Amino acid sequence: MHVTNHLKARQSQRGISKEMIEYVLQHGADMKDKLIFGKKLARQLLAEIRAEERLIMKILDKGGVIVVAEGDALITTYNYY
């Protein structure tokens, strides 16, 4: 995507990093010609990330988890260790 000089100037004035812009491009809500990443969306995504972190920690406590599948059938599961 082409970055204009106007964007570069405003980005610098407002302390908005390249990483922030990339994140909004990936996760922001599409509103016509804008991508919006407001407080509500930020809090919602942060809660999802924290829930995912808790789940991953539980998997880590088990040494990993294995799921055996064939086609669309889940056959068994066990701790990896």
PDB file of N, CA and C in Angstrom:
ATOM      1  N   MET A   1       0.839  -1.170   0.000  1.00  0.00           N
ATOM      2  CA  MET A   1       0.000   0.000   0.000  1.00  0.00           C
ATOM      3  C   MET A   1       0.889   1.239   0.000  1.00  0.00           C
ATOM      4  N   HIS A   2       0.516   2.229  -0.783  1.00  0.00           N
ATOM      5  CA  HIS A   2       1.285   3.475  -0.887  1.00  0.00           C
ATOM      6  C   HIS A   2       1.062   4.341   0.352  1.00  0.00           C
ATOM      7  N   VAL A   3       2.141   4.811   0.934  1.00  0.00           N
ATOM      8  CA  VAL A   3       2.083   5.681   2.106  1.00  0.00           C
ATOM      9  C   VAL A   3       2.367   7.112   1.652  1.00  0.00           C
ATOM     10  N   THR A   4       1.437   8.024   1.941  1.00  0.00           N
ATOM     11  CA  THR A   4       1.607   9.409   1.514  1.00  0.00           C
ATOM     12  C   THR A   4       2.476  10.193   2.493  1.00  0.00           C
ATOM     13  N   ASN A   5       2.991  11.304   2.017  1.00  0.00           N
ATOM     14  CA  ASN A   5       3.764  12.197   2.878  1.00  0.00           C
ATOM     15  C   ASN A   5       2.874  12.760   3.982  1.00  0.00           C
ATOM     16  N   HIS A   6       1.606  12.990   3.667  1.00  0.00           N
ATOM     17  CA  HIS A   6       0.654  13.496   4.660  1.00  0.00           C
ATOM     18  C   HIS A   6       0.537  12.507   5.828  1.00  0.00           C
ATOM     19  N   LEU A   7       0.392  11.225   5.513  1.00  0.00           N
ATOM     20  CA  LEU A   7       0.302  10.209   6.572  1.00  0.00           C
ATOM     21  C   LEU A   7       1.578  10.207   7.411  1.00  0.00           C
ATOM     22  N   LYS A   8       2.728  10.250   6.751  1.00  0.00           N
ATOM     23  CA  LYS A   8       3.996  10.236   7.487  1.00  0.00           C
ATOM     24  C   LYS A   8       4.098  11.421   8.449  1.00  0.00           C
ATOM     25  N   ALA A   9       3.664  12.600   7.996  1.00  0.00           N
ATOM     26  CA  ALA A   9       3.722  13.795   8.837  1.00  0.00           C
ATOM     27  C   ALA A   9       2.787  13.667  10.037  1.00  0.00           C
ATOM     28  N   ARG A  10       1.540  13.250   9.797  1.00  0.00           N
ATOM     29  CA  ARG A  10       0.569  13.114  10.888  1.00  0.00           C
ATOM     30  C   ARG A  10       0.973  11.998  11.846  1.00  0.00           C
ATOM     31  N   GLN A  11       1.500  10.924  11.300  1.00  0.00           N
ATOM     32  CA  GLN A  11       1.978   9.806  12.128  1.00  0.00           C
ATOM     33  C   GLN A  11       3.046  10.293  13.093  1.00  0.00           C
ATOM     34  N   SER A  12       3.974  11.079  12.603  1.00  0.00           N
ATOM     35  CA  SER A  12       5.051  11.609  13.430  1.00  0.00           C
ATOM     36  C   SER A  12       4.516  12.597  14.469  1.00  0.00           C
ATOM     37  N   GLN A  13       3.630  13.485  14.068  1.00  0.00           N
ATOM     38  CA  GLN A  13       3.068  14.482  14.982  1.00  0.00           C
ATOM     39  C   GLN A  13       2.270  13.838  16.109  1.00  0.00           C
ATOM     40  N   ARG A  14       1.613  12.728  15.807  1.00  0.00           N
ATOM     41  CA  ARG A  14       0.670  12.123  16.753  1.00  0.00           C
ATOM     42  C   ARG A  14       1.238  10.910  17.497  1.00  0.00           C
ATOM     43  N   GLY A  15       2.498  10.595  17.244  1.00  0.00           N
ATOM     44  CA  GLY A  15       3.133   9.487  17.961  1.00  0.00           C
ATOM     45  C   GLY A  15       2.532   8.132  17.633  1.00  0.00           C
ATOM     46  N   ILE A  16       2.137   7.933  16.389  1.00  0.00           N
ATOM     47  CA  ILE A  16       1.539   6.664  15.961  1.00  0.00           C
ATOM     48  C   ILE A  16       2.605   5.878  15.203  1.00  0.00           C
ATOM     49  N   SER A  17       2.947   4.699  15.729  1.00  0.00           N
ATOM     50  CA  SER A  17       4.013   3.904  15.130  1.00  0.00           C
ATOM     51  C   SER A  17       3.528   3.137  13.901  1.00  0.00           C
ATOM     52  N   LYS A  18       4.484   2.695  13.127  1.00  0.00           N
ATOM     53  CA  LYS A  18       4.189   1.874  11.950  1.00  0.00           C
ATOM     54  C   LYS A  18       3.478   0.589  12.376  1.00  0.00           C
ATOM     55  N   GLU A  19       3.902   0.019  13.502  1.00  0.00           N
ATOM     56  CA  GLU A  19       3.291  -1.205  14.011  1.00  0.00           C
ATOM     57  C   GLU A  19       1.824  -0.991  14.372  1.00  0.00           C
ATOM     58  N   MET A  20       1.507   0.181  14.954  1.00  0.00           N
ATOM     59  CA  MET A  20       0.113   0.497  15.284  1.00  0.00           C
ATOM     60  C   MET A  20      -0.735   0.551  14.013  1.00  0.00           C
ATOM     61  N   ILE A  21      -0.217   1.207  12.995  1.00  0.00           N
ATOM     62  CA  ILE A  21      -0.947   1.318  11.733  1.00  0.00           C
ATOM     63  C   ILE A  21      -1.172  -0.064  11.124  1.00  0.00           C
ATOM     64  N   GLU A  22      -0.143  -0.898  11.125  1.00  0.00           N
ATOM     65  CA  GLU A  22      -0.270  -2.250  10.585  1.00  0.00           C
ATOM     66  C   GLU A  22      -1.313  -3.061  11.361  1.00  0.00           C
ATOM     67  N   TYR A  23      -1.344  -2.883  12.674  1.00  0.00           N
ATOM     68  CA  TYR A  23      -2.309  -3.605  13.509  1.00  0.00           C
ATOM     69  C   TYR A  23      -3.737  -3.171  13.203  1.00  0.00           C
ATOM     70  N   VAL A  24      -3.933  -1.870  13.052  1.00  0.00           N
ATOM     71  CA  VAL A  24      -5.262  -1.361  12.718  1.00  0.00           C
ATOM     72  C   VAL A  24      -5.679  -1.848  11.331  1.00  0.00           C
ATOM     73  N   LEU A  25      -4.754  -1.905  10.401  1.00  0.00           N
ATOM     74  CA  LEU A  25      -5.062  -2.416   9.067  1.00  0.00           C
ATOM     75  C   LEU A  25      -5.517  -3.878   9.126  1.00  0.00           C
ATOM     76  N   GLN A  26      -4.934  -4.646  10.019  1.00  0.00           N
ATOM     77  CA  GLN A  26      -5.285  -6.069  10.146  1.00  0.00           C
ATOM     78  C   GLN A  26      -6.564  -6.295  10.938  1.00  0.00           C
ATOM     79  N   HIS A  27      -6.793  -5.509  11.988  1.00  0.00           N
ATOM     80  CA  HIS A  27      -7.862  -5.818  12.941  1.00  0.00           C
ATOM     81  C   HIS A  27      -8.953  -4.760  13.056  1.00  0.00           C
ATOM     82  N   GLY A  28      -8.781  -3.619  12.432  1.00  0.00           N
ATOM     83  CA  GLY A  28      -9.735  -2.529  12.578  1.00  0.00           C
ATOM     84  C   GLY A  28     -11.074  -2.819  11.908  1.00  0.00           C
ATOM     85  N   ALA A  29     -12.104  -2.121  12.370  1.00  0.00           N
ATOM     86  CA  ALA A  29     -13.442  -2.242  11.795  1.00  0.00           C
ATOM     87  C   ALA A  29     -13.520  -1.364  10.554  1.00  0.00           C
ATOM     88  N   ASP A  30     -13.967  -1.939   9.452  1.00  0.00           N
ATOM     89  CA  ASP A  30     -14.056  -1.239   8.176  1.00  0.00           C
ATOM     90  C   ASP A  30     -15.299  -0.359   8.139  1.00  0.00           C
ATOM     91  N   MET A  31     -15.111   0.954   8.027  1.00  0.00           N
ATOM     92  CA  MET A  31     -16.209   1.908   7.952  1.00  0.00           C
ATOM     93  C   MET A  31     -15.986   2.773   6.719  1.00  0.00           C
ATOM     94  N   LYS A  32     -16.550   2.354   5.589  1.00  0.00           N
ATOM     95  CA  LYS A  32     -16.396   3.048   4.298  1.00  0.00           C
ATOM     96  C   LYS A  32     -14.921   3.177   3.954  1.00  0.00           C
ATOM     97  N   ASP A  33     -14.365   4.391   4.022  1.00  0.00           N
ATOM     98  CA  ASP A  33     -12.969   4.594   3.634  1.00  0.00           C
ATOM     99  C   ASP A  33     -12.026   4.637   4.834  1.00  0.00           C
ATOM    100  N   LYS A  34     -12.502   4.156   6.013  1.00  0.00           N
ATOM    101  CA  LYS A  34     -11.696   4.199   7.238  1.00  0.00           C
ATOM    102  C   LYS A  34     -11.618   2.818   7.874  1.00  0.00           C
ATOM    103  N   LEU A  35     -10.544   2.595   8.588  1.00  0.00           N
ATOM    104  CA  LEU A  35     -10.419   1.442   9.470  1.00  0.00           C
ATOM    105  C   LEU A  35     -10.334   1.998  10.879  1.00  0.00           C
ATOM    106  N   ILE A  36     -11.228   1.549  11.747  1.00  0.00           N
ATOM    107  CA  ILE A  36     -11.321   2.107  13.091  1.00  0.00           C
ATOM    108  C   ILE A  36     -10.982   1.033  14.116  1.00  0.00           C
ATOM    109  N   PHE A  37     -10.083   1.386  15.022  1.00  0.00           N
ATOM    110  CA  PHE A  37      -9.716   0.508  16.135  1.00  0.00           C
ATOM    111  C   PHE A  37      -9.840   1.340  17.401  1.00  0.00           C
ATOM    112  N   GLY A  38     -11.048   1.368  17.969  1.00  0.00           N
ATOM    113  CA  GLY A  38     -11.325   2.179  19.143  1.00  0.00           C
ATOM    114  C   GLY A  38     -11.102   1.433  20.438  1.00  0.00           C
ATOM    115  N   LYS A  39     -11.413   2.105  21.541  1.00  0.00           N
ATOM    116  CA  LYS A  39     -11.222   1.525  22.871  1.00  0.00           C
ATOM    117  C   LYS A  39     -12.035   0.249  23.059  1.00  0.00           C
ATOM    118  N   LYS A  40     -13.292   0.255  22.598  1.00  0.00           N
ATOM    119  CA  LYS A  40     -14.159  -0.906  22.780  1.00  0.00           C
ATOM    120  C   LYS A  40     -13.575  -2.138  22.086  1.00  0.00           C
ATOM    121  N   LEU A  41     -13.145  -1.971  20.843  1.00  0.00           N
ATOM    122  CA  LEU A  41     -12.547  -3.083  20.111  1.00  0.00           C
ATOM    123  C   LEU A  41     -11.231  -3.512  20.757  1.00  0.00           C
ATOM    124  N   ALA A  42     -10.438  -2.537  21.227  1.00  0.00           N
ATOM    125  CA  ALA A  42      -9.163  -2.855  21.876  1.00  0.00           C
ATOM    126  C   ALA A  42      -9.386  -3.682  23.141  1.00  0.00           C
ATOM    127  N   ARG A  43     -10.359  -3.286  23.954  1.00  0.00           N
ATOM    128  CA  ARG A  43     -10.655  -4.035  25.188  1.00  0.00           C
ATOM    129  C   ARG A  43     -11.166  -5.443  24.871  1.00  0.00           C
ATOM    130  N   GLN A  44     -12.027  -5.535  23.857  1.00  0.00           N
ATOM    131  CA  GLN A  44     -12.577  -6.840  23.465  1.00  0.00           C
ATOM    132  C   GLN A  44     -11.464  -7.769  22.987  1.00  0.00           C
ATOM    133  N   LEU A  45     -10.593  -7.274  22.129  1.00  0.00           N
ATOM    134  CA  LEU A  45      -9.501  -8.090  21.613  1.00  0.00           C
ATOM    135  C   LEU A  45      -8.526  -8.467  22.722  1.00  0.00           C
ATOM    136  N   LEU A  46      -8.254  -7.544  23.635  1.00  0.00           N
ATOM    137  CA  LEU A  46      -7.361  -7.829  24.754  1.00  0.00           C
ATOM    138  C   LEU A  46      -7.941  -8.929  25.643  1.00  0.00           C
ATOM    139  N   ALA A  47      -9.243  -8.904  25.889  1.00  0.00           N
ATOM    140  CA  ALA A  47      -9.890  -9.958  26.678  1.00  0.00           C
ATOM    141  C   ALA A  47      -9.767 -11.308  25.973  1.00  0.00           C
ATOM    142  N   GLU A  48      -9.928 -11.316  24.648  1.00  0.00           N
ATOM    143  CA  GLU A  48      -9.784 -12.560  23.892  1.00  0.00           C
ATOM    144  C   GLU A  48      -8.359 -13.089  23.957  1.00  0.00           C
ATOM    145  N   ILE A  49      -7.387 -12.189  23.872  1.00  0.00           N
ATOM    146  CA  ILE A  49      -5.982 -12.588  23.944  1.00  0.00           C
ATOM    147  C   ILE A  49      -5.663 -13.157  25.320  1.00  0.00           C
ATOM    148  N   ARG A  50      -6.182 -12.533  26.378  1.00  0.00           N
ATOM    149  CA  ARG A  50      -5.942 -13.030  27.740  1.00  0.00           C
ATOM    150  C   ARG A  50      -6.579 -14.401  27.936  1.00  0.00           C
ATOM    151  N   ALA A  51      -7.783 -14.603  27.393  1.00  0.00           N
ATOM    152  CA  ALA A  51      -8.444 -15.907  27.491  1.00  0.00           C
ATOM    153  C   ALA A  51      -7.642 -16.962  26.731  1.00  0.00           C
ATOM    154  N   GLU A  52      -7.122 -16.590  25.575  1.00  0.00           N
ATOM    155  CA  GLU A  52      -6.289 -17.514  24.807  1.00  0.00           C
ATOM    156  C   GLU A  52      -4.999 -17.836  25.561  1.00  0.00           C
ATOM    157  N   GLU A  53      -4.432 -16.835  26.242  1.00  0.00           N
ATOM    158  CA  GLU A  53      -3.219 -17.063  27.024  1.00  0.00           C
ATOM    159  C   GLU A  53      -3.488 -18.061  28.158  1.00  0.00           C
ATOM    160  N   ARG A  54      -4.631 -17.913  28.841  1.00  0.00           N
ATOM    161  CA  ARG A  54      -4.977 -18.851  29.920  1.00  0.00           C
ATOM    162  C   ARG A  54      -5.115 -20.277  29.376  1.00  0.00           C
ATOM    163  N   LEU A  55      -5.744 -20.417  28.225  1.00  0.00           N
ATOM    164  CA  LEU A  55      -5.913 -21.733  27.612  1.00  0.00           C
ATOM    165  C   LEU A  55      -4.561 -22.340  27.238  1.00  0.00           C
ATOM    166  N   ILE A  56      -3.700 -21.545  26.648  1.00  0.00           N
ATOM    167  CA  ILE A  56      -2.373 -22.027  26.262  1.00  0.00           C
ATOM    168  C   ILE A  56      -1.566 -22.426  27.488  1.00  0.00           C
ATOM    169  N   MET A  57      -1.695 -21.678  28.588  1.00  0.00           N
ATOM    170  CA  MET A  57      -0.985 -22.032  29.820  1.00  0.00           C
ATOM    171  C   MET A  57      -1.466 -23.379  30.357  1.00  0.00           C
ATOM    172  N   LYS A  58      -2.759 -23.660  30.264  1.00  0.00           N
ATOM    173  CA  LYS A  58      -3.281 -24.959  30.702  1.00  0.00           C
ATOM    174  C   LYS A  58      -2.714 -26.087  29.840  1.00  0.00           C
ATOM    175  N   ILE A  59      -2.627 -25.831  28.528  1.00  0.00           N
ATOM    176  CA  ILE A  59      -2.035 -26.831  27.634  1.00  0.00           C
ATOM    177  C   ILE A  59      -0.566 -27.033  27.976  1.00  0.00           C
ATOM    178  N   LEU A  60       0.146 -25.959  28.255  1.00  0.00           N
ATOM    179  CA  LEU A  60       1.553 -26.031  28.633  1.00  0.00           C
ATOM    180  C   LEU A  60       1.733 -26.824  29.919  1.00  0.00           C
ATOM    181  N   ASP A  61       0.841 -26.630  30.906  1.00  0.00           N
ATOM    182  CA  ASP A  61       0.913 -27.376  32.163  1.00  0.00           C
ATOM    183  C   ASP A  61       0.800 -28.882  31.935  1.00  0.00           C
ATOM    184  N   LYS A  62       0.129 -29.282  30.884  1.00  0.00           N
ATOM    185  CA  LYS A  62      -0.011 -30.698  30.570  1.00  0.00           C
ATOM    186  C   LYS A  62       1.144 -31.208  29.718  1.00  0.00           C
ATOM    187  N   GLY A  63       2.076 -30.336  29.367  1.00  0.00           N
ATOM    188  CA  GLY A  63       3.187 -30.741  28.521  1.00  0.00           C
ATOM    189  C   GLY A  63       2.800 -30.771  27.057  1.00  0.00           C
ATOM    190  N   GLY A  64       1.639 -30.234  26.744  1.00  0.00           N
ATOM    191  CA  GLY A  64       1.100 -30.265  25.387  1.00  0.00           C
ATOM    192  C   GLY A  64      -0.089 -31.209  25.342  1.00  0.00           C
ATOM    193  N   VAL A  65      -0.869 -31.101  24.297  1.00  0.00           N
ATOM    194  CA  VAL A  65      -2.038 -31.966  24.121  1.00  0.00           C
ATOM    195  C   VAL A  65      -2.029 -32.497  22.695  1.00  0.00           C
ATOM    196  N   ILE A  66      -2.326 -33.764  22.545  1.00  0.00           N
ATOM    197  CA  ILE A  66      -2.416 -34.404  21.235  1.00  0.00           C
ATOM    198  C   ILE A  66      -3.866 -34.787  20.989  1.00  0.00           C
ATOM    199  N   VAL A  67      -4.340 -34.524  19.772  1.00  0.00           N
ATOM    200  CA  VAL A  67      -5.672 -34.951  19.349  1.00  0.00           C
ATOM    201  C   VAL A  67      -5.492 -35.814  18.106  1.00  0.00           C
ATOM    202  N   VAL A  68      -6.051 -37.017  18.143  1.00  0.00           N
ATOM    203  CA  VAL A  68      -5.982 -37.920  16.999  1.00  0.00           C
ATOM    204  C   VAL A  68      -7.299 -37.819  16.239  1.00  0.00           C
ATOM    205  N   ALA A  69      -7.176 -37.553  14.941  1.00  0.00           N
ATOM    206  CA  ALA A  69      -8.365 -37.395  14.107  1.00  0.00           C
ATOM    207  C   ALA A  69      -8.195 -38.184  12.816  1.00  0.00           C
ATOM    208  N   GLU A  70      -9.325 -38.596  12.280  1.00  0.00           N
ATOM    209  CA  GLU A  70      -9.336 -39.224  10.965  1.00  0.00           C
ATOM    210  C   GLU A  70     -10.552 -38.685  10.224  1.00  0.00           C
ATOM    211  N   GLY A  71     -10.297 -38.041   9.109  1.00  0.00           N
ATOM    212  CA  GLY A  71     -11.389 -37.383   8.410  1.00  0.00           C
ATOM    213  C   GLY A  71     -11.964 -36.305   9.313  1.00  0.00           C
ATOM    214  N   ASP A  72     -13.299 -36.353   9.512  1.00  0.00           N
ATOM    215  CA  ASP A  72     -13.920 -35.366  10.400  1.00  0.00           C
ATOM    216  C   ASP A  72     -14.239 -35.946  11.772  1.00  0.00           C
ATOM    217  N   ALA A  73     -13.691 -37.128  12.066  1.00  0.00           N
ATOM    218  CA  ALA A  73     -13.933 -37.783  13.359  1.00  0.00           C
ATOM    219  C   ALA A  73     -12.760 -37.538  14.303  1.00  0.00           C
ATOM    220  N   LEU A  74     -13.067 -37.076  15.529  1.00  0.00           N
ATOM    221  CA  LEU A  74     -12.055 -36.949  16.582  1.00  0.00           C
ATOM    222  C   LEU A  74     -12.041 -38.260  17.351  1.00  0.00           C
ATOM    223  N   ILE A  75     -10.921 -38.959  17.340  1.00  0.00           N
ATOM    224  CA  ILE A  75     -10.841 -40.321  17.862  1.00  0.00           C
ATOM    225  C   ILE A  75     -10.427 -40.357  19.320  1.00  0.00           C
ATOM    226  N   THR A  76      -9.338 -39.683  19.662  1.00  0.00           N
ATOM    227  CA  THR A  76      -8.881 -39.681  21.057  1.00  0.00           C
ATOM    228  C   THR A  76      -8.011 -38.454  21.295  1.00  0.00           C
ATOM    229  N   THR A  77      -7.699 -38.218  22.569  1.00  0.00           N
ATOM    230  CA  THR A  77      -6.812 -37.125  22.949  1.00  0.00           C
ATOM    231  C   THR A  77      -6.030 -37.541  24.188  1.00  0.00           C
ATOM    232  N   TYR A  78      -4.811 -37.004  24.304  1.00  0.00           N
ATOM    233  CA  TYR A  78      -3.985 -37.299  25.480  1.00  0.00           C
ATOM    234  C   TYR A  78      -2.924 -36.230  25.650  1.00  0.00           C
ATOM    235  N   ASN A  79      -2.334 -36.232  26.858  1.00  0.00           N
ATOM    236  CA  ASN A  79      -1.256 -35.285  27.171  1.00  0.00           C
ATOM    237  C   ASN A  79      -0.011 -35.656  26.387  1.00  0.00           C
ATOM    238  N   TYR A  80       0.733 -34.671  25.953  1.00  0.00           N
ATOM    239  CA  TYR A  80       1.932 -34.909  25.149  1.00  0.00           C
ATOM    240  C   TYR A  80       3.129 -35.385  25.964  1.00  0.00           C
ATOM    241  N   TYR A  81       3.442 -34.694  27.021  1.00  0.00           N
ATOM    242  CA  TYR A  81       4.624 -34.953  27.875  1.00  0.00           C
ATOM    243  C   TYR A  81       5.773 -35.256  27.014  1.00  0.00           C
TER     244      TYR A  81
END
